[in-house]
């Protein structure tokens, strides 16, 4: 049976507090900026996807995805 390795986003000096809300939001934006710059087929962006998926609640991600589709996302993409 293969071993499953669980990881979360690495520590980031830009977010020193225990509240990781901003860290989550930043990683989500970094992922989508990477996709815009390198394309959907680029594997280079996958690390950002893993980071935001481990930090962000699913409800937030769903809402942000809907906002991006509707053109109302509040962040700088």
PDB file of N, CA and C in Angstrom:
ATOM      1  N   UNK A   1       0.834  -1.174   0.000  1.00  0.00           N
ATOM      2  CA  UNK A   1       0.000   0.000   0.000  1.00  0.00           C
ATOM      3  C   UNK A   1       0.887   1.248   0.000  1.00  0.00           C
ATOM      4  N   UNK A   2       0.589   2.199  -0.853  1.00  0.00           N
ATOM      5  CA  UNK A   2       1.390   3.412  -0.975  1.00  0.00           C
ATOM      6  C   UNK A   2       1.173   4.322   0.228  1.00  0.00           C
ATOM      7  N   UNK A   3       2.236   4.999   0.624  1.00  0.00           N
ATOM      8  CA  UNK A   3       2.142   5.954   1.731  1.00  0.00           C
ATOM      9  C   UNK A   3       1.543   7.256   1.242  1.00  0.00           C
ATOM     10  N   UNK A   4       0.723   7.854   2.077  1.00  0.00           N
ATOM     11  CA  UNK A   4       0.131   9.153   1.764  1.00  0.00           C
ATOM     12  C   UNK A   4       0.861  10.197   2.585  1.00  0.00           C
ATOM     13  N   UNK A   5       1.361  11.211   1.906  1.00  0.00           N
ATOM     14  CA  UNK A   5       2.090  12.271   2.590  1.00  0.00           C
ATOM     15  C   UNK A   5       1.228  13.522   2.626  1.00  0.00           C
ATOM     16  N   UNK A   6       0.941  14.000   3.829  1.00  0.00           N
ATOM     17  CA  UNK A   6       0.140  15.208   3.989  1.00  0.00           C
ATOM     18  C   UNK A   6       1.054  16.384   4.272  1.00  0.00           C
ATOM     19  N   UNK A   7       0.809  17.479   3.568  1.00  0.00           N
ATOM     20  CA  UNK A   7       1.612  18.687   3.750  1.00  0.00           C
ATOM     21  C   UNK A   7       0.689  19.890   3.752  1.00  0.00           C
ATOM     22  N   UNK A   8       1.166  20.972   4.304  1.00  0.00           N
ATOM     23  CA  UNK A   8       0.457  22.235   4.235  1.00  0.00           C
ATOM     24  C   UNK A   8       1.414  23.265   3.649  1.00  0.00           C
ATOM     25  N   UNK A   9       0.938  24.472   3.487  1.00  0.00           N
ATOM     26  CA  UNK A   9       1.785  25.529   2.934  1.00  0.00           C
ATOM     27  C   UNK A   9       2.961  25.796   3.875  1.00  0.00           C
ATOM     28  N   UNK A  10       4.121  26.097   3.324  1.00  0.00           N
ATOM     29  CA  UNK A  10       5.261  26.404   4.182  1.00  0.00           C
ATOM     30  C   UNK A  10       5.068  27.739   4.889  1.00  0.00           C
ATOM     31  N   UNK A  11       5.798  27.927   5.962  1.00  0.00           N
ATOM     32  CA  UNK A  11       5.739  29.201   6.691  1.00  0.00           C
ATOM     33  C   UNK A  11       6.154  30.331   5.756  1.00  0.00           C
ATOM     34  N   UNK A  12       5.527  31.467   5.924  1.00  0.00           N
ATOM     35  CA  UNK A  12       5.806  32.627   5.080  1.00  0.00           C
ATOM     36  C   UNK A  12       6.005  33.834   5.982  1.00  0.00           C
ATOM     37  N   UNK A  13       7.174  34.449   5.927  1.00  0.00           N
ATOM     38  CA  UNK A  13       7.502  35.565   6.808  1.00  0.00           C
ATOM     39  C   UNK A  13       6.563  36.757   6.637  1.00  0.00           C
ATOM     40  N   UNK A  14       5.833  36.811   5.510  1.00  0.00           N
ATOM     41  CA  UNK A  14       4.895  37.913   5.301  1.00  0.00           C
ATOM     42  C   UNK A  14       3.663  37.786   6.196  1.00  0.00           C
ATOM     43  N   UNK A  15       3.456  36.591   6.772  1.00  0.00           N
ATOM     44  CA  UNK A  15       2.272  36.326   7.578  1.00  0.00           C
ATOM     45  C   UNK A  15       2.682  35.696   8.903  1.00  0.00           C
ATOM     46  N   UNK A  16       3.238  36.506   9.825  1.00  0.00           N
ATOM     47  CA  UNK A  16       3.793  35.957  11.060  1.00  0.00           C
ATOM     48  C   UNK A  16       2.765  35.602  12.135  1.00  0.00           C
ATOM     49  N   UNK A  17       1.530  36.052  12.016  1.00  0.00           N
ATOM     50  CA  UNK A  17       0.545  35.810  13.063  1.00  0.00           C
ATOM     51  C   UNK A  17      -0.161  34.480  12.869  1.00  0.00           C
ATOM     52  N   UNK A  18      -0.894  34.075  13.873  1.00  0.00           N
ATOM     53  CA  UNK A  18      -1.611  32.808  13.780  1.00  0.00           C
ATOM     54  C   UNK A  18      -2.840  32.905  12.887  1.00  0.00           C
ATOM     55  N   UNK A  19      -3.375  34.101  12.685  1.00  0.00           N
ATOM     56  CA  UNK A  19      -4.511  34.275  11.791  1.00  0.00           C
ATOM     57  C   UNK A  19      -3.998  34.182  10.356  1.00  0.00           C
ATOM     58  N   UNK A  20      -4.411  33.162   9.650  1.00  0.00           N
ATOM     59  CA  UNK A  20      -3.884  32.890   8.319  1.00  0.00           C
ATOM     60  C   UNK A  20      -4.816  33.330   7.186  1.00  0.00           C
ATOM     61  N   UNK A  21      -5.789  34.176   7.506  1.00  0.00           N
ATOM     62  CA  UNK A  21      -6.744  34.627   6.493  1.00  0.00           C
ATOM     63  C   UNK A  21      -6.047  35.294   5.313  1.00  0.00           C
ATOM     64  N   UNK A  22      -5.175  36.222   5.594  1.00  0.00           N
ATOM     65  CA  UNK A  22      -4.486  36.938   4.516  1.00  0.00           C
ATOM     66  C   UNK A  22      -3.557  36.009   3.736  1.00  0.00           C
ATOM     67  N   UNK A  23      -2.929  35.079   4.450  1.00  0.00           N
ATOM     68  CA  UNK A  23      -2.046  34.110   3.800  1.00  0.00           C
ATOM     69  C   UNK A  23      -2.852  33.278   2.800  1.00  0.00           C
ATOM     70  N   UNK A  24      -4.027  32.831   3.220  1.00  0.00           N
ATOM     71  CA  UNK A  24      -4.926  32.063   2.358  1.00  0.00           C
ATOM     72  C   UNK A  24      -5.279  32.860   1.108  1.00  0.00           C
ATOM     73  N   UNK A  25      -5.724  34.094   1.291  1.00  0.00           N
ATOM     74  CA  UNK A  25      -6.146  34.955   0.185  1.00  0.00           C
ATOM     75  C   UNK A  25      -4.988  35.204  -0.783  1.00  0.00           C
ATOM     76  N   UNK A  26      -3.807  35.465  -0.240  1.00  0.00           N
ATOM     77  CA  UNK A  26      -2.629  35.725  -1.076  1.00  0.00           C
ATOM     78  C   UNK A  26      -2.256  34.511  -1.910  1.00  0.00           C
ATOM     79  N   UNK A  27      -2.298  33.335  -1.323  1.00  0.00           N
ATOM     80  CA  UNK A  27      -1.960  32.112  -2.068  1.00  0.00           C
ATOM     81  C   UNK A  27      -2.977  31.836  -3.173  1.00  0.00           C
ATOM     82  N   UNK A  28      -4.246  32.133  -2.905  1.00  0.00           N
ATOM     83  CA  UNK A  28      -5.289  31.971  -3.922  1.00  0.00           C
ATOM     84  C   UNK A  28      -4.997  32.899  -5.106  1.00  0.00           C
ATOM     85  N   UNK A  29      -4.664  34.134  -4.813  1.00  0.00           N
ATOM     86  CA  UNK A  29      -4.346  35.103  -5.866  1.00  0.00           C
ATOM     87  C   UNK A  29      -3.083  34.683  -6.616  1.00  0.00           C
ATOM     88  N   UNK A  30      -2.056  34.236  -5.906  1.00  0.00           N
ATOM     89  CA  UNK A  30      -0.820  33.794  -6.559  1.00  0.00           C
ATOM     90  C   UNK A  30      -1.089  32.644  -7.533  1.00  0.00           C
ATOM     91  N   UNK A  31      -1.959  31.728  -7.136  1.00  0.00           N
ATOM     92  CA  UNK A  31      -2.293  30.616  -8.014  1.00  0.00           C
ATOM     93  C   UNK A  31      -2.933  31.119  -9.311  1.00  0.00           C
ATOM     94  N   UNK A  32      -3.897  31.999  -9.203  1.00  0.00           N
ATOM     95  CA  UNK A  32      -4.594  32.464 -10.403  1.00  0.00           C
ATOM     96  C   UNK A  32      -3.734  33.400 -11.252  1.00  0.00           C
ATOM     97  N   UNK A  33      -2.847  34.136 -10.635  1.00  0.00           N
ATOM     98  CA  UNK A  33      -1.891  34.941 -11.409  1.00  0.00           C
ATOM     99  C   UNK A  33      -0.939  34.034 -12.178  1.00  0.00           C
ATOM    100  N   UNK A  34      -0.509  32.959 -11.529  1.00  0.00           N
ATOM    101  CA  UNK A  34       0.386  32.000 -12.179  1.00  0.00           C
ATOM    102  C   UNK A  34      -0.301  31.369 -13.383  1.00  0.00           C
ATOM    103  N   UNK A  35      -1.559  30.967 -13.223  1.00  0.00           N
ATOM    104  CA  UNK A  35      -2.300  30.393 -14.351  1.00  0.00           C
ATOM    105  C   UNK A  35      -2.417  31.388 -15.503  1.00  0.00           C
ATOM    106  N   UNK A  36      -2.670  32.649 -15.167  1.00  0.00           N
ATOM    107  CA  UNK A  36      -2.798  33.673 -16.206  1.00  0.00           C
ATOM    108  C   UNK A  36      -1.471  33.876 -16.942  1.00  0.00           C
ATOM    109  N   UNK A  37      -0.368  33.788 -16.213  1.00  0.00           N
ATOM    110  CA  UNK A  37       0.939  34.029 -16.809  1.00  0.00           C
ATOM    111  C   UNK A  37       1.475  32.815 -17.564  1.00  0.00           C
ATOM    112  N   UNK A  38       1.239  31.625 -17.040  1.00  0.00           N
ATOM    113  CA  UNK A  38       1.876  30.432 -17.606  1.00  0.00           C
ATOM    114  C   UNK A  38       0.906  29.487 -18.313  1.00  0.00           C
ATOM    115  N   UNK A  39      -0.386  29.706 -18.148  1.00  0.00           N
ATOM    116  CA  UNK A  39      -1.375  28.855 -18.805  1.00  0.00           C
ATOM    117  C   UNK A  39      -1.873  27.741 -17.910  1.00  0.00           C
ATOM    118  N   UNK A  40      -3.054  27.243 -18.240  1.00  0.00           N
ATOM    119  CA  UNK A  40      -3.701  26.205 -17.435  1.00  0.00           C
ATOM    120  C   UNK A  40      -2.947  24.882 -17.438  1.00  0.00           C
ATOM    121  N   UNK A  41      -2.159  24.639 -18.456  1.00  0.00           N
ATOM    122  CA  UNK A  41      -1.453  23.369 -18.577  1.00  0.00           C
ATOM    123  C   UNK A  41      -0.124  23.344 -17.829  1.00  0.00           C
ATOM    124  N   UNK A  42       0.271  24.477 -17.264  1.00  0.00           N
ATOM    125  CA  UNK A  42       1.556  24.556 -16.576  1.00  0.00           C
ATOM    126  C   UNK A  42       1.477  23.879 -15.210  1.00  0.00           C
ATOM    127  N   UNK A  43       2.396  22.978 -14.966  1.00  0.00           N
ATOM    128  CA  UNK A  43       2.462  22.314 -13.670  1.00  0.00           C
ATOM    129  C   UNK A  43       3.120  23.168 -12.601  1.00  0.00           C
ATOM    130  N   UNK A  44       3.715  24.275 -13.016  1.00  0.00           N
ATOM    131  CA  UNK A  44       4.415  25.147 -12.077  1.00  0.00           C
ATOM    132  C   UNK A  44       3.473  25.790 -11.073  1.00  0.00           C
ATOM    133  N   UNK A  45       2.215  25.922 -11.419  1.00  0.00           N
ATOM    134  CA  UNK A  45       1.249  26.607 -10.561  1.00  0.00           C
ATOM    135  C   UNK A  45       0.646  25.686  -9.513  1.00  0.00           C
ATOM    136  N   UNK A  46       0.855  24.405  -9.659  1.00  0.00           N
ATOM    137  CA  UNK A  46       0.203  23.440  -8.765  1.00  0.00           C
ATOM    138  C   UNK A  46       0.589  23.635  -7.302  1.00  0.00           C
ATOM    139  N   UNK A  47       1.820  24.081  -7.042  1.00  0.00           N
ATOM    140  CA  UNK A  47       2.215  24.283  -5.641  1.00  0.00           C
ATOM    141  C   UNK A  47       1.349  25.349  -4.984  1.00  0.00           C
ATOM    142  N   UNK A  48       0.994  26.409  -5.727  1.00  0.00           N
ATOM    143  CA  UNK A  48       0.133  27.449  -5.165  1.00  0.00           C
ATOM    144  C   UNK A  48      -1.267  26.910  -4.898  1.00  0.00           C
ATOM    145  N   UNK A  49      -1.736  26.022  -5.773  1.00  0.00           N
ATOM    146  CA  UNK A  49      -3.050  25.404  -5.565  1.00  0.00           C
ATOM    147  C   UNK A  49      -3.040  24.574  -4.285  1.00  0.00           C
ATOM    148  N   UNK A  50      -1.994  23.825  -4.073  1.00  0.00           N
ATOM    149  CA  UNK A  50      -1.892  23.018  -2.854  1.00  0.00           C
ATOM    150  C   UNK A  50      -1.864  23.907  -1.625  1.00  0.00           C
ATOM    151  N   UNK A  51      -1.158  25.023  -1.710  1.00  0.00           N
ATOM    152  CA  UNK A  51      -1.060  25.932  -0.575  1.00  0.00           C
ATOM    153  C   UNK A  51      -2.422  26.504  -0.219  1.00  0.00           C
ATOM    154  N   UNK A  52      -3.119  27.080  -1.202  1.00  0.00           N
ATOM    155  CA  UNK A  52      -4.383  27.720  -0.843  1.00  0.00           C
ATOM    156  C   UNK A  52      -5.436  26.697  -0.444  1.00  0.00           C
ATOM    157  N   UNK A  53      -5.379  25.504  -1.026  1.00  0.00           N
ATOM    158  CA  UNK A  53      -6.353  24.471  -0.648  1.00  0.00           C
ATOM    159  C   UNK A  53      -6.138  23.989   0.783  1.00  0.00           C
ATOM    160  N   UNK A  54      -4.906  24.039   1.259  1.00  0.00           N
ATOM    161  CA  UNK A  54      -4.644  23.614   2.631  1.00  0.00           C
ATOM    162  C   UNK A  54      -4.929  24.726   3.634  1.00  0.00           C
ATOM    163  N   UNK A  55      -4.929  25.974   3.190  1.00  0.00           N
ATOM    164  CA  UNK A  55      -5.131  27.101   4.102  1.00  0.00           C
ATOM    165  C   UNK A  55      -6.560  27.638   4.124  1.00  0.00           C
ATOM    166  N   UNK A  56      -7.249  27.587   3.009  1.00  0.00           N
ATOM    167  CA  UNK A  56      -8.540  28.267   2.861  1.00  0.00           C
ATOM    168  C   UNK A  56      -9.719  27.343   3.097  1.00  0.00           C
ATOM    169  N   UNK A  57     -10.727  27.832   3.805  1.00  0.00           N
ATOM    170  CA  UNK A  57     -11.974  27.058   3.912  1.00  0.00           C
ATOM    171  C   UNK A  57     -12.627  26.897   2.542  1.00  0.00           C
ATOM    172  N   UNK A  58     -13.214  25.754   2.305  1.00  0.00           N
ATOM    173  CA  UNK A  58     -13.836  25.459   1.012  1.00  0.00           C
ATOM    174  C   UNK A  58     -14.903  26.455   0.617  1.00  0.00           C
ATOM    175  N   UNK A  59     -15.663  26.959   1.593  1.00  0.00           N
ATOM    176  CA  UNK A  59     -16.729  27.916   1.293  1.00  0.00           C
ATOM    177  C   UNK A  59     -16.164  29.199   0.696  1.00  0.00           C
ATOM    178  N   UNK A  60     -15.013  29.623   1.209  1.00  0.00           N
ATOM    179  CA  UNK A  60     -14.386  30.843   0.686  1.00  0.00           C
ATOM    180  C   UNK A  60     -13.970  30.636  -0.765  1.00  0.00           C
ATOM    181  N   UNK A  61     -13.340  29.498  -1.028  1.00  0.00           N
ATOM    182  CA  UNK A  61     -12.853  29.208  -2.381  1.00  0.00           C
ATOM    183  C   UNK A  61     -14.031  29.152  -3.356  1.00  0.00           C
ATOM    184  N   UNK A  62     -15.112  28.511  -2.946  1.00  0.00           N
ATOM    185  CA  UNK A  62     -16.303  28.453  -3.808  1.00  0.00           C
ATOM    186  C   UNK A  62     -16.824  29.852  -4.110  1.00  0.00           C
ATOM    187  N   UNK A  63     -16.902  30.683  -3.098  1.00  0.00           N
ATOM    188  CA  UNK A  63     -17.391  32.052  -3.292  1.00  0.00           C
ATOM    189  C   UNK A  63     -16.453  32.843  -4.196  1.00  0.00           C
ATOM    190  N   UNK A  64     -15.149  32.718  -3.971  1.00  0.00           N
ATOM    191  CA  UNK A  64     -14.186  33.445  -4.807  1.00  0.00           C
ATOM    192  C   UNK A  64     -14.250  32.974  -6.247  1.00  0.00           C
ATOM    193  N   UNK A  65     -14.421  31.674  -6.455  1.00  0.00           N
ATOM    194  CA  UNK A  65     -14.543  31.157  -7.825  1.00  0.00           C
ATOM    195  C   UNK A  65     -15.777  31.735  -8.510  1.00  0.00           C
ATOM    196  N   UNK A  66     -16.883  31.799  -7.781  1.00  0.00           N
ATOM    197  CA  UNK A  66     -18.104  32.404  -8.340  1.00  0.00           C
ATOM    198  C   UNK A  66     -17.877  33.880  -8.665  1.00  0.00           C
ATOM    199  N   UNK A  67     -17.206  34.587  -7.768  1.00  0.00           N
ATOM    200  CA  UNK A  67     -16.934  36.008  -7.998  1.00  0.00           C
ATOM    201  C   UNK A  67     -16.030  36.200  -9.214  1.00  0.00           C
ATOM    202  N   UNK A  68     -15.045  35.350  -9.385  1.00  0.00           N
ATOM    203  CA  UNK A  68     -14.179  35.459 -10.572  1.00  0.00           C
ATOM    204  C   UNK A  68     -14.972  35.244 -11.836  1.00  0.00           C
ATOM    205  N   UNK A  69     -15.870  34.248 -11.824  1.00  0.00           N
ATOM    206  CA  UNK A  69     -16.706  33.963 -12.995  1.00  0.00           C
ATOM    207  C   UNK A  69     -17.631  35.131 -13.317  1.00  0.00           C
ATOM    208  N   UNK A  70     -18.115  35.807 -12.279  1.00  0.00           N
ATOM    209  CA  UNK A  70     -19.037  36.934 -12.457  1.00  0.00           C
ATOM    210  C   UNK A  70     -18.317  38.261 -12.669  1.00  0.00           C
ATOM    211  N   UNK A  71     -16.994  38.276 -12.545  1.00  0.00           N
ATOM    212  CA  UNK A  71     -16.237  39.511 -12.709  1.00  0.00           C
ATOM    213  C   UNK A  71     -16.322  40.443 -11.524  1.00  0.00           C
ATOM    214  N   UNK A  72     -16.642  39.902 -10.331  1.00  0.00           N
ATOM    215  CA  UNK A  72     -16.777  40.745  -9.142  1.00  0.00           C
ATOM    216  C   UNK A  72     -15.749  40.412  -8.063  1.00  0.00           C
ATOM    217  N   UNK A  73     -14.728  39.647  -8.407  1.00  0.00           N
ATOM    218  CA  UNK A  73     -13.715  39.266  -7.409  1.00  0.00           C
ATOM    219  C   UNK A  73     -12.983  40.502  -6.929  1.00  0.00           C
ATOM    220  N   UNK A  74     -12.851  40.679  -5.594  1.00  0.00           N
ATOM    221  CA  UNK A  74     -12.270  41.908  -5.066  1.00  0.00           C
ATOM    222  C   UNK A  74     -10.751  41.997  -5.136  1.00  0.00           C
ATOM    223  N   UNK A  75     -10.092  40.910  -5.447  1.00  0.00           N
ATOM    224  CA  UNK A  75      -8.617  40.910  -5.438  1.00  0.00           C
ATOM    225  C   UNK A  75      -8.006  41.262  -6.774  1.00  0.00           C
ATOM    226  N   UNK A  76      -6.724  41.582  -6.741  1.00  0.00           N
ATOM    227  CA  UNK A  76      -5.983  41.926  -7.965  1.00  0.00           C
ATOM    228  C   UNK A  76      -5.512  40.680  -8.699  1.00  0.00           C
ATOM    229  N   UNK A  77      -6.250  40.269  -9.698  1.00  0.00           N
ATOM    230  CA  UNK A  77      -5.826  39.115 -10.490  1.00  0.00           C
ATOM    231  C   UNK A  77      -5.198  39.622 -11.730  1.00  0.00           C
TER     232      UNK A  77
END
